[in-house]
Amino acid sequence: MLTFTDRVVVPRHVLVRQLDGESVLLNLDTEKYFGLDATGTRMWEVATSSPSIEAACEKLVEEFEVEPGVLREDLSELLGQLAENGLLHLVPVDVGTIRTL
């Protein structure tokens, strides 16, 4: 289940290629692929480079002229579909970090 406190991680078995602002994501294990238009590609870029989905959403709201609720819904749907097809992993933000006391 996707939560906005998760972060997006690209698995090693996913190949991403961009051409003219659009992208194709290929799961090398299942041979399933997904095409992204320019908007989807930008969402992918920001989501995979942000510390959390919430941070990605905040950045995308600044870039696109869209209501925050609509963007959250669209981003959630896109990331959910990609996760279902093994094209990304959603992990808690604190995974891989050392907690201090």
PDB file of N, CA and C in Angstrom:
ATOM      1  N   MET A   1       0.831  -1.180   0.000  1.00  0.00           N
ATOM      2  CA  MET A   1       0.000   0.000   0.000  1.00  0.00           C
ATOM      3  C   MET A   1       0.877   1.245   0.000  1.00  0.00           C
ATOM      4  N   LEU A   2       0.572   2.172  -0.856  1.00  0.00           N
ATOM      5  CA  LEU A   2       1.349   3.395  -1.018  1.00  0.00           C
ATOM      6  C   LEU A   2       0.980   4.406   0.059  1.00  0.00           C
ATOM      7  N   THR A   3       1.998   4.945   0.704  1.00  0.00           N
ATOM      8  CA  THR A   3       1.793   6.071   1.611  1.00  0.00           C
ATOM      9  C   THR A   3       2.757   7.172   1.204  1.00  0.00           C
ATOM     10  N   PHE A   4       2.374   8.394   1.444  1.00  0.00           N
ATOM     11  CA  PHE A   4       3.196   9.515   1.008  1.00  0.00           C
ATOM     12  C   PHE A   4       4.435   9.706   1.865  1.00  0.00           C
ATOM     13  N   THR A   5       4.578   8.914   2.929  1.00  0.00           N
ATOM     14  CA  THR A   5       5.810   8.951   3.713  1.00  0.00           C
ATOM     15  C   THR A   5       6.839   7.957   3.173  1.00  0.00           C
ATOM     16  N   ASP A   6       6.431   7.125   2.223  1.00  0.00           N
ATOM     17  CA  ASP A   6       7.362   6.189   1.581  1.00  0.00           C
ATOM     18  C   ASP A   6       8.281   6.936   0.624  1.00  0.00           C
ATOM     19  N   ARG A   7       9.341   6.246   0.236  1.00  0.00           N
ATOM     20  CA  ARG A   7      10.179   6.764  -0.849  1.00  0.00           C
ATOM     21  C   ARG A   7      10.171   5.741  -1.978  1.00  0.00           C
ATOM     22  N   VAL A   8      10.488   6.222  -3.161  1.00  0.00           N
ATOM     23  CA  VAL A   8      10.470   5.389  -4.362  1.00  0.00           C
ATOM     24  C   VAL A   8      11.893   4.924  -4.666  1.00  0.00           C
ATOM     25  N   VAL A   9      12.040   3.631  -4.888  1.00  0.00           N
ATOM     26  CA  VAL A   9      13.338   3.049  -5.229  1.00  0.00           C
ATOM     27  C   VAL A   9      13.177   2.275  -6.533  1.00  0.00           C
ATOM     28  N   VAL A  10      14.102   2.489  -7.459  1.00  0.00           N
ATOM     29  CA  VAL A  10      14.082   1.780  -8.743  1.00  0.00           C
ATOM     30  C   VAL A  10      14.844   0.466  -8.564  1.00  0.00           C
ATOM     31  N   PRO A  11      14.181  -0.669  -8.787  1.00  0.00           N
ATOM     32  CA  PRO A  11      14.860  -1.961  -8.666  1.00  0.00           C
ATOM     33  C   PRO A  11      15.951  -2.124  -9.735  1.00  0.00           C
ATOM     34  N   ARG A  12      16.906  -2.970  -9.448  1.00  0.00           N
ATOM     35  CA  ARG A  12      18.008  -3.222 -10.394  1.00  0.00           C
ATOM     36  C   ARG A  12      17.525  -3.849 -11.694  1.00  0.00           C
ATOM     37  N   HIS A  13      16.412  -4.554 -11.637  1.00  0.00           N
ATOM     38  CA  HIS A  13      15.914  -5.253 -12.830  1.00  0.00           C
ATOM     39  C   HIS A  13      15.044  -4.356 -13.720  1.00  0.00           C
ATOM     40  N   VAL A  14      15.056  -3.058 -13.469  1.00  0.00           N
ATOM     41  CA  VAL A  14      14.258  -2.135 -14.278  1.00  0.00           C
ATOM     42  C   VAL A  14      15.189  -1.264 -15.119  1.00  0.00           C
ATOM     43  N   LEU A  15      14.919  -1.269 -16.403  1.00  0.00           N
ATOM     44  CA  LEU A  15      15.672  -0.470 -17.362  1.00  0.00           C
ATOM     45  C   LEU A  15      14.800   0.720 -17.757  1.00  0.00           C
ATOM     46  N   VAL A  16      15.370   1.921 -17.698  1.00  0.00           N
ATOM     47  CA  VAL A  16      14.631   3.138 -18.029  1.00  0.00           C
ATOM     48  C   VAL A  16      15.358   3.836 -19.173  1.00  0.00           C
ATOM     49  N   ARG A  17      14.598   4.179 -20.213  1.00  0.00           N
ATOM     50  CA  ARG A  17      15.147   4.908 -21.349  1.00  0.00           C
ATOM     51  C   ARG A  17      14.253   6.093 -21.651  1.00  0.00           C
ATOM     52  N   GLN A  18      14.891   7.242 -21.880  1.00  0.00           N
ATOM     53  CA  GLN A  18      14.142   8.452 -22.210  1.00  0.00           C
ATOM     54  C   GLN A  18      14.469   8.886 -23.627  1.00  0.00           C
ATOM     55  N   LEU A  19      13.436   9.415 -24.299  1.00  0.00           N
ATOM     56  CA  LEU A  19      13.599   9.921 -25.649  1.00  0.00           C
ATOM     57  C   LEU A  19      12.580  11.024 -25.870  1.00  0.00           C
ATOM     58  N   ASP A  20      13.062  12.196 -26.218  1.00  0.00           N
ATOM     59  CA  ASP A  20      12.183  13.340 -26.499  1.00  0.00           C
ATOM     60  C   ASP A  20      11.203  13.631 -25.371  1.00  0.00           C
ATOM     61  N   GLY A  21      11.673  13.558 -24.118  1.00  0.00           N
ATOM     62  CA  GLY A  21      10.843  13.897 -22.972  1.00  0.00           C
ATOM     63  C   GLY A  21       9.913  12.807 -22.504  1.00  0.00           C
ATOM     64  N   GLU A  22       9.881  11.684 -23.189  1.00  0.00           N
ATOM     65  CA  GLU A  22       9.051  10.562 -22.776  1.00  0.00           C
ATOM     66  C   GLU A  22       9.947   9.412 -22.346  1.00  0.00           C
ATOM     67  N   SER A  23       9.373   8.442 -21.647  1.00  0.00           N
ATOM     68  CA  SER A  23      10.165   7.332 -21.111  1.00  0.00           C
ATOM     69  C   SER A  23       9.511   5.989 -21.355  1.00  0.00           C
ATOM     70  N   VAL A  24      10.357   4.974 -21.368  1.00  0.00           N
ATOM     71  CA  VAL A  24       9.897   3.587 -21.372  1.00  0.00           C
ATOM     72  C   VAL A  24      10.607   2.907 -20.215  1.00  0.00           C
ATOM     73  N   LEU A  25       9.832   2.223 -19.381  1.00  0.00           N
ATOM     74  CA  LEU A  25      10.358   1.469 -18.253  1.00  0.00           C
ATOM     75  C   LEU A  25      10.150  -0.004 -18.566  1.00  0.00           C
ATOM     76  N   LEU A  26      11.198  -0.800 -18.454  1.00  0.00           N
ATOM     77  CA  LEU A  26      11.133  -2.224 -18.772  1.00  0.00           C
ATOM     78  C   LEU A  26      11.571  -3.038 -17.572  1.00  0.00           C
ATOM     79  N   ASN A  27      10.712  -3.964 -17.146  1.00  0.00           N
ATOM     80  CA  ASN A  27      11.044  -4.909 -16.096  1.00  0.00           C
ATOM     81  C   ASN A  27      11.732  -6.081 -16.787  1.00  0.00           C
ATOM     82  N   LEU A  28      13.030  -6.212 -16.592  1.00  0.00           N
ATOM     83  CA  LEU A  28      13.803  -7.252 -17.272  1.00  0.00           C
ATOM     84  C   LEU A  28      13.436  -8.655 -16.801  1.00  0.00           C
ATOM     85  N   ASP A  29      12.900  -8.772 -15.586  1.00  0.00           N
ATOM     86  CA  ASP A  29      12.498 -10.092 -15.069  1.00  0.00           C
ATOM     87  C   ASP A  29      11.203 -10.596 -15.708  1.00  0.00           C
ATOM     88  N   THR A  30      10.228  -9.710 -15.864  1.00  0.00           N
ATOM     89  CA  THR A  30       8.919 -10.130 -16.380  1.00  0.00           C
ATOM     90  C   THR A  30       8.701  -9.739 -17.835  1.00  0.00           C
ATOM     91  N   GLU A  31       9.570  -8.886 -18.358  1.00  0.00           N
ATOM     92  CA  GLU A  31       9.482  -8.342 -19.714  1.00  0.00           C
ATOM     93  C   GLU A  31       8.256  -7.450 -19.895  1.00  0.00           C
ATOM     94  N   LYS A  32       7.667  -6.970 -18.802  1.00  0.00           N
ATOM     95  CA  LYS A  32       6.582  -5.994 -18.880  1.00  0.00           C
ATOM     96  C   LYS A  32       7.194  -4.614 -19.032  1.00  0.00           C
ATOM     97  N   TYR A  33       6.549  -3.794 -19.838  1.00  0.00           N
ATOM     98  CA  TYR A  33       7.049  -2.428 -19.992  1.00  0.00           C
ATOM     99  C   TYR A  33       5.910  -1.438 -19.862  1.00  0.00           C
ATOM    100  N   PHE A  34       6.277  -0.201 -19.619  1.00  0.00           N
ATOM    101  CA  PHE A  34       5.310   0.852 -19.361  1.00  0.00           C
ATOM    102  C   PHE A  34       5.831   2.105 -20.038  1.00  0.00           C
ATOM    103  N   GLY A  35       5.017   2.753 -20.837  1.00  0.00           N
ATOM    104  CA  GLY A  35       5.397   4.004 -21.488  1.00  0.00           C
ATOM    105  C   GLY A  35       4.861   5.193 -20.716  1.00  0.00           C
ATOM    106  N   LEU A  36       5.681   6.221 -20.569  1.00  0.00           N
ATOM    107  CA  LEU A  36       5.274   7.435 -19.868  1.00  0.00           C
ATOM    108  C   LEU A  36       5.361   8.625 -20.809  1.00  0.00           C
ATOM    109  N   ASP A  37       4.321   9.447 -20.811  1.00  0.00           N
ATOM    110  CA  ASP A  37       4.373  10.689 -21.579  1.00  0.00           C
ATOM    111  C   ASP A  37       5.243  11.699 -20.820  1.00  0.00           C
ATOM    112  N   ALA A  38       5.313  12.929 -21.308  1.00  0.00           N
ATOM    113  CA  ALA A  38       6.183  13.933 -20.695  1.00  0.00           C
ATOM    114  C   ALA A  38       5.809  14.197 -19.237  1.00  0.00           C
ATOM    115  N   THR A  39       4.522  14.263 -18.937  1.00  0.00           N
ATOM    116  CA  THR A  39       4.090  14.510 -17.557  1.00  0.00           C
ATOM    117  C   THR A  39       4.439  13.327 -16.663  1.00  0.00           C
ATOM    118  N   GLY A  40       4.158  12.124 -17.125  1.00  0.00           N
ATOM    119  CA  GLY A  40       4.501  10.925 -16.361  1.00  0.00           C
ATOM    120  C   GLY A  40       5.994  10.801 -16.145  1.00  0.00           C
ATOM    121  N   THR A  41       6.771  11.159 -17.167  1.00  0.00           N
ATOM    122  CA  THR A  41       8.225  11.115 -17.057  1.00  0.00           C
ATOM    123  C   THR A  41       8.711  12.082 -15.990  1.00  0.00           C
ATOM    124  N   ARG A  42       8.145  13.278 -15.957  1.00  0.00           N
ATOM    125  CA  ARG A  42       8.557  14.255 -14.940  1.00  0.00           C
ATOM    126  C   ARG A  42       8.175  13.761 -13.549  1.00  0.00           C
ATOM    127  N   MET A  43       6.995  13.171 -13.431  1.00  0.00           N
ATOM    128  CA  MET A  43       6.585  12.617 -12.137  1.00  0.00           C
ATOM    129  C   MET A  43       7.559  11.526 -11.697  1.00  0.00           C
ATOM    130  N   TRP A  44       7.952  10.670 -12.630  1.00  0.00           N
ATOM    131  CA  TRP A  44       8.911   9.595 -12.346  1.00  0.00           C
ATOM    132  C   TRP A  44      10.246  10.182 -11.893  1.00  0.00           C
ATOM    133  N   GLU A  45      10.752  11.160 -12.617  1.00  0.00           N
ATOM    134  CA  GLU A  45      12.037  11.769 -12.280  1.00  0.00           C
ATOM    135  C   GLU A  45      12.020  12.354 -10.874  1.00  0.00           C
ATOM    136  N   VAL A  46      10.983  13.114 -10.565  1.00  0.00           N
ATOM    137  CA  VAL A  46      10.906  13.759  -9.255  1.00  0.00           C
ATOM    138  C   VAL A  46      10.689  12.716  -8.155  1.00  0.00           C
ATOM    139  N   ALA A  47       9.817  11.755  -8.384  1.00  0.00           N
ATOM    140  CA  ALA A  47       9.535  10.735  -7.369  1.00  0.00           C
ATOM    141  C   ALA A  47      10.767   9.896  -7.054  1.00  0.00           C
ATOM    142  N   THR A  48      11.550   9.549  -8.064  1.00  0.00           N
ATOM    143  CA  THR A  48      12.718   8.693  -7.831  1.00  0.00           C
ATOM    144  C   THR A  48      13.916   9.454  -7.283  1.00  0.00           C
ATOM    145  N   SER A  49      13.860  10.781  -7.294  1.00  0.00           N
ATOM    146  CA  SER A  49      14.986  11.561  -6.775  1.00  0.00           C
ATOM    147  C   SER A  49      14.653  12.314  -5.489  1.00  0.00           C
ATOM    148  N   SER A  50      13.448  12.134  -4.988  1.00  0.00           N
ATOM    149  CA  SER A  50      13.019  12.830  -3.775  1.00  0.00           C
ATOM    150  C   SER A  50      13.147  11.922  -2.554  1.00  0.00           C
ATOM    151  N   PRO A  51      13.303  12.520  -1.378  1.00  0.00           N
ATOM    152  CA  PRO A  51      13.432  11.707  -0.164  1.00  0.00           C
ATOM    153  C   PRO A  51      12.140  11.011   0.244  1.00  0.00           C
ATOM    154  N   SER A  52      10.987  11.474  -0.263  1.00  0.00           N
ATOM    155  CA  SER A  52       9.711  10.832   0.024  1.00  0.00           C
ATOM    156  C   SER A  52       8.722  11.197  -1.078  1.00  0.00           C
ATOM    157  N   ILE A  53       7.632  10.453  -1.129  1.00  0.00           N
ATOM    158  CA  ILE A  53       6.595  10.767  -2.110  1.00  0.00           C
ATOM    159  C   ILE A  53       5.968  12.117  -1.771  1.00  0.00           C
ATOM    160  N   GLU A  54       5.836  12.410  -0.494  1.00  0.00           N
ATOM    161  CA  GLU A  54       5.297  13.715  -0.074  1.00  0.00           C
ATOM    162  C   GLU A  54       6.168  14.852  -0.598  1.00  0.00           C
ATOM    163  N   ALA A  55       7.489  14.720  -0.483  1.00  0.00           N
ATOM    164  CA  ALA A  55       8.404  15.750  -0.989  1.00  0.00           C
ATOM    165  C   ALA A  55       8.280  15.886  -2.501  1.00  0.00           C
ATOM    166  N   ALA A  56       8.128  14.764  -3.181  1.00  0.00           N
ATOM    167  CA  ALA A  56       7.944  14.793  -4.638  1.00  0.00           C
ATOM    168  C   ALA A  56       6.655  15.518  -4.987  1.00  0.00           C
ATOM    169  N   CYS A  57       5.602  15.227  -4.258  1.00  0.00           N
ATOM    170  CA  CYS A  57       4.306  15.857  -4.501  1.00  0.00           C
ATOM    171  C   CYS A  57       4.410  17.371  -4.320  1.00  0.00           C
ATOM    172  N   GLU A  58       5.074  17.810  -3.267  1.00  0.00           N
ATOM    173  CA  GLU A  58       5.238  19.244  -3.010  1.00  0.00           C
ATOM    174  C   GLU A  58       5.989  19.929  -4.154  1.00  0.00           C
ATOM    175  N   LYS A  59       7.029  19.273  -4.638  1.00  0.00           N
ATOM    176  CA  LYS A  59       7.802  19.844  -5.749  1.00  0.00           C
ATOM    177  C   LYS A  59       6.962  19.899  -7.025  1.00  0.00           C
ATOM    178  N   LEU A  60       6.225  18.840  -7.302  1.00  0.00           N
ATOM    179  CA  LEU A  60       5.419  18.797  -8.523  1.00  0.00           C
ATOM    180  C   LEU A  60       4.283  19.810  -8.493  1.00  0.00           C
ATOM    181  N   VAL A  61       3.712  20.064  -7.326  1.00  0.00           N
ATOM    182  CA  VAL A  61       2.658  21.081  -7.203  1.00  0.00           C
ATOM    183  C   VAL A  61       3.204  22.453  -7.586  1.00  0.00           C
ATOM    184  N   GLU A  62       4.473  22.707  -7.249  1.00  0.00           N
ATOM    185  CA  GLU A  62       5.109  23.973  -7.614  1.00  0.00           C
ATOM    186  C   GLU A  62       5.330  24.071  -9.127  1.00  0.00           C
ATOM    187  N   GLU A  63       5.574  22.952  -9.776  1.00  0.00           N
ATOM    188  CA  GLU A  63       5.898  22.939 -11.206  1.00  0.00           C
ATOM    189  C   GLU A  63       4.670  22.954 -12.119  1.00  0.00           C
ATOM    190  N   PHE A  64       3.614  22.265 -11.695  1.00  0.00           N
ATOM    191  CA  PHE A  64       2.429  22.129 -12.540  1.00  0.00           C
ATOM    192  C   PHE A  64       1.293  22.999 -12.020  1.00  0.00           C
ATOM    193  N   GLU A  65       0.502  23.503 -12.929  1.00  0.00           N
ATOM    194  CA  GLU A  65      -0.686  24.271 -12.551  1.00  0.00           C
ATOM    195  C   GLU A  65      -1.829  23.286 -12.338  1.00  0.00           C
ATOM    196  N   VAL A  66      -1.903  22.765 -11.124  1.00  0.00           N
ATOM    197  CA  VAL A  66      -2.895  21.752 -10.783  1.00  0.00           C
ATOM    198  C   VAL A  66      -3.201  21.866  -9.285  1.00  0.00           C
ATOM    199  N   GLU A  67      -4.417  21.506  -8.942  1.00  0.00           N
ATOM    200  CA  GLU A  67      -4.798  21.487  -7.531  1.00  0.00           C
ATOM    201  C   GLU A  67      -3.997  20.389  -6.821  1.00  0.00           C
ATOM    202  N   PRO A  68      -3.514  20.660  -5.620  1.00  0.00           N
ATOM    203  CA  PRO A  68      -2.724  19.654  -4.895  1.00  0.00           C
ATOM    204  C   PRO A  68      -3.428  18.303  -4.757  1.00  0.00           C
ATOM    205  N   GLY A  69      -4.729  18.302  -4.509  1.00  0.00           N
ATOM    206  CA  GLY A  69      -5.464  17.041  -4.370  1.00  0.00           C
ATOM    207  C   GLY A  69      -5.479  16.229  -5.651  1.00  0.00           C
ATOM    208  N   VAL A  70      -5.602  16.903  -6.775  1.00  0.00           N
ATOM    209  CA  VAL A  70      -5.596  16.227  -8.076  1.00  0.00           C
ATOM    210  C   VAL A  70      -4.221  15.637  -8.343  1.00  0.00           C
ATOM    211  N   LEU A  71      -3.178  16.400  -8.043  1.00  0.00           N
ATOM    212  CA  LEU A  71      -1.827  15.898  -8.265  1.00  0.00           C
ATOM    213  C   LEU A  71      -1.542  14.699  -7.374  1.00  0.00           C
ATOM    214  N   ARG A  72      -1.933  14.762  -6.121  1.00  0.00           N
ATOM    215  CA  ARG A  72      -1.726  13.629  -5.201  1.00  0.00           C
ATOM    216  C   ARG A  72      -2.397  12.374  -5.737  1.00  0.00           C
ATOM    217  N   GLU A  73      -3.612  12.532  -6.233  1.00  0.00           N
ATOM    218  CA  GLU A  73      -4.366  11.403  -6.771  1.00  0.00           C
ATOM    219  C   GLU A  73      -3.670  10.820  -8.008  1.00  0.00           C
ATOM    220  N   ASP A  74      -3.254  11.699  -8.928  1.00  0.00           N
ATOM    221  CA  ASP A  74      -2.588  11.244 -10.157  1.00  0.00           C
ATOM    222  C   ASP A  74      -1.248  10.578  -9.846  1.00  0.00           C
ATOM    223  N   LEU A  75      -0.479  11.174  -8.941  1.00  0.00           N
ATOM    224  CA  LEU A  75       0.820  10.606  -8.579  1.00  0.00           C
ATOM    225  C   LEU A  75       0.641   9.260  -7.894  1.00  0.00           C
ATOM    226  N   SER A  76      -0.326   9.184  -7.009  1.00  0.00           N
ATOM    227  CA  SER A  76      -0.614   7.933  -6.315  1.00  0.00           C
ATOM    228  C   SER A  76      -1.011   6.835  -7.296  1.00  0.00           C
ATOM    229  N   GLU A  77      -1.852   7.168  -8.257  1.00  0.00           N
ATOM    230  CA  GLU A  77      -2.279   6.185  -9.253  1.00  0.00           C
ATOM    231  C   GLU A  77      -1.098   5.709 -10.105  1.00  0.00           C
ATOM    232  N   LEU A  78      -0.278   6.644 -10.571  1.00  0.00           N
ATOM    233  CA  LEU A  78       0.875   6.281 -11.398  1.00  0.00           C
ATOM    234  C   LEU A  78       1.838   5.383 -10.622  1.00  0.00           C
ATOM    235  N   LEU A  79       2.226   5.802  -9.426  1.00  0.00           N
ATOM    236  CA  LEU A  79       3.190   5.024  -8.650  1.00  0.00           C
ATOM    237  C   LEU A  79       2.610   3.666  -8.257  1.00  0.00           C
ATOM    238  N   GLY A  80       1.321   3.622  -7.967  1.00  0.00           N
ATOM    239  CA  GLY A  80       0.675   2.347  -7.639  1.00  0.00           C
ATOM    240  C   GLY A  80       0.723   1.369  -8.798  1.00  0.00           C
ATOM    241  N   GLN A  81       0.442   1.851 -10.009  1.00  0.00           N
ATOM    242  CA  GLN A  81       0.480   0.985 -11.190  1.00  0.00           C
ATOM    243  C   GLN A  81       1.904   0.492 -11.457  1.00  0.00           C
ATOM    244  N   LEU A  82       2.864   1.388 -11.304  1.00  0.00           N
ATOM    245  CA  LEU A  82       4.255   0.993 -11.537  1.00  0.00           C
ATOM    246  C   LEU A  82       4.721  -0.029 -10.501  1.00  0.00           C
ATOM    247  N   ALA A  83       4.319   0.165  -9.247  1.00  0.00           N
ATOM    248  CA  ALA A  83       4.684  -0.789  -8.184  1.00  0.00           C
ATOM    249  C   ALA A  83       4.046  -2.150  -8.448  1.00  0.00           C
ATOM    250  N   GLU A  84       2.779  -2.161  -8.870  1.00  0.00           N
ATOM    251  CA  GLU A  84       2.087  -3.421  -9.173  1.00  0.00           C
ATOM    252  C   GLU A  84       2.797  -4.208 -10.267  1.00  0.00           C
ATOM    253  N   ASN A  85       3.436  -3.505 -11.179  1.00  0.00           N
ATOM    254  CA  ASN A  85       4.125  -4.160 -12.296  1.00  0.00           C
ATOM    255  C   ASN A  85       5.611  -4.359 -12.038  1.00  0.00           C
ATOM    256  N   GLY A  86       6.043  -4.172 -10.801  1.00  0.00           N
ATOM    257  CA  GLY A  86       7.431  -4.425 -10.427  1.00  0.00           C
ATOM    258  C   GLY A  86       8.418  -3.423 -10.995  1.00  0.00           C
ATOM    259  N   LEU A  87       7.925  -2.242 -11.376  1.00  0.00           N
ATOM    260  CA  LEU A  87       8.803  -1.235 -11.979  1.00  0.00           C
ATOM    261  C   LEU A  87       9.359  -0.246 -10.961  1.00  0.00           C
ATOM    262  N   LEU A  88       8.912  -0.349  -9.737  1.00  0.00           N
ATOM    263  CA  LEU A  88       9.494   0.419  -8.640  1.00  0.00           C
ATOM    264  C   LEU A  88       9.114  -0.241  -7.335  1.00  0.00           C
ATOM    265  N   HIS A  89       9.863   0.096  -6.293  1.00  0.00           N
ATOM    266  CA  HIS A  89       9.575  -0.376  -4.944  1.00  0.00           C
ATOM    267  C   HIS A  89       9.268   0.828  -4.078  1.00  0.00           C
ATOM    268  N   LEU A  90       8.340   0.654  -3.158  1.00  0.00           N
ATOM    269  CA  LEU A  90       8.014   1.679  -2.183  1.00  0.00           C
ATOM    270  C   LEU A  90       8.549   1.210  -0.843  1.00  0.00           C
ATOM    271  N   VAL A  91       9.396   2.024  -0.226  1.00  0.00           N
ATOM    272  CA  VAL A  91       9.989   1.644   1.050  1.00  0.00           C
ATOM    273  C   VAL A  91       9.809   2.785   2.049  1.00  0.00           C
ATOM    274  N   PRO A  92       9.700   2.436   3.335  1.00  0.00           N
ATOM    275  CA  PRO A  92       9.606   3.490   4.344  1.00  0.00           C
ATOM    276  C   PRO A  92      10.833   4.401   4.280  1.00  0.00           C
ATOM    277  N   VAL A  93      10.633   5.657   4.568  1.00  0.00           N
ATOM    278  CA  VAL A  93      11.712   6.647   4.475  1.00  0.00           C
ATOM    279  C   VAL A  93      12.888   6.281   5.355  1.00  0.00           C
ATOM    280  N   ASP A  94      12.650   5.674   6.516  1.00  0.00           N
ATOM    281  CA  ASP A  94      13.749   5.409   7.439  1.00  0.00           C
ATOM    282  C   ASP A  94      14.494   4.099   7.172  1.00  0.00           C
ATOM    283  N   VAL A  95      14.101   3.339   6.155  1.00  0.00           N
ATOM    284  CA  VAL A  95      14.819   2.109   5.826  1.00  0.00           C
ATOM    285  C   VAL A  95      16.181   2.475   5.238  1.00  0.00           C
ATOM    286  N   GLY A  96      17.210   1.836   5.777  1.00  0.00           N
ATOM    287  CA  GLY A  96      18.553   2.103   5.272  1.00  0.00           C
ATOM    288  C   GLY A  96      19.233   3.255   5.978  1.00  0.00           C
ATOM    289  N   THR A  97      18.584   3.820   6.987  1.00  0.00           N
ATOM    290  CA  THR A  97      19.209   4.886   7.757  1.00  0.00           C
ATOM    291  C   THR A  97      19.487   4.403   9.149  1.00  0.00           C
ATOM    292  N   ILE A  98      20.449   4.999   9.787  1.00  0.00           N
ATOM    293  CA  ILE A  98      20.816   4.644  11.150  1.00  0.00           C
ATOM    294  C   ILE A  98      20.127   5.617  12.085  1.00  0.00           C
ATOM    295  N   ARG A  99      19.382   5.070  13.012  1.00  0.00           N
ATOM    296  CA  ARG A  99      18.699   5.924  13.985  1.00  0.00           C
ATOM    297  C   ARG A  99      19.677   6.302  15.088  1.00  0.00           C
ATOM    298  N   THR A 100      19.544   7.541  15.550  1.00  0.00           N
ATOM    299  CA  THR A 100      20.379   7.986  16.657  1.00  0.00           C
ATOM    300  C   THR A 100      19.544   8.035  17.923  1.00  0.00           C
ATOM    301  N   LEU A 101      20.196   7.864  19.041  1.00  0.00           N
ATOM    302  CA  LEU A 101      19.496   7.905  20.324  1.00  0.00           C
ATOM    303  C   LEU A 101      19.652   9.238  20.969  1.00  0.00           C
TER     304      LEU A 101
END
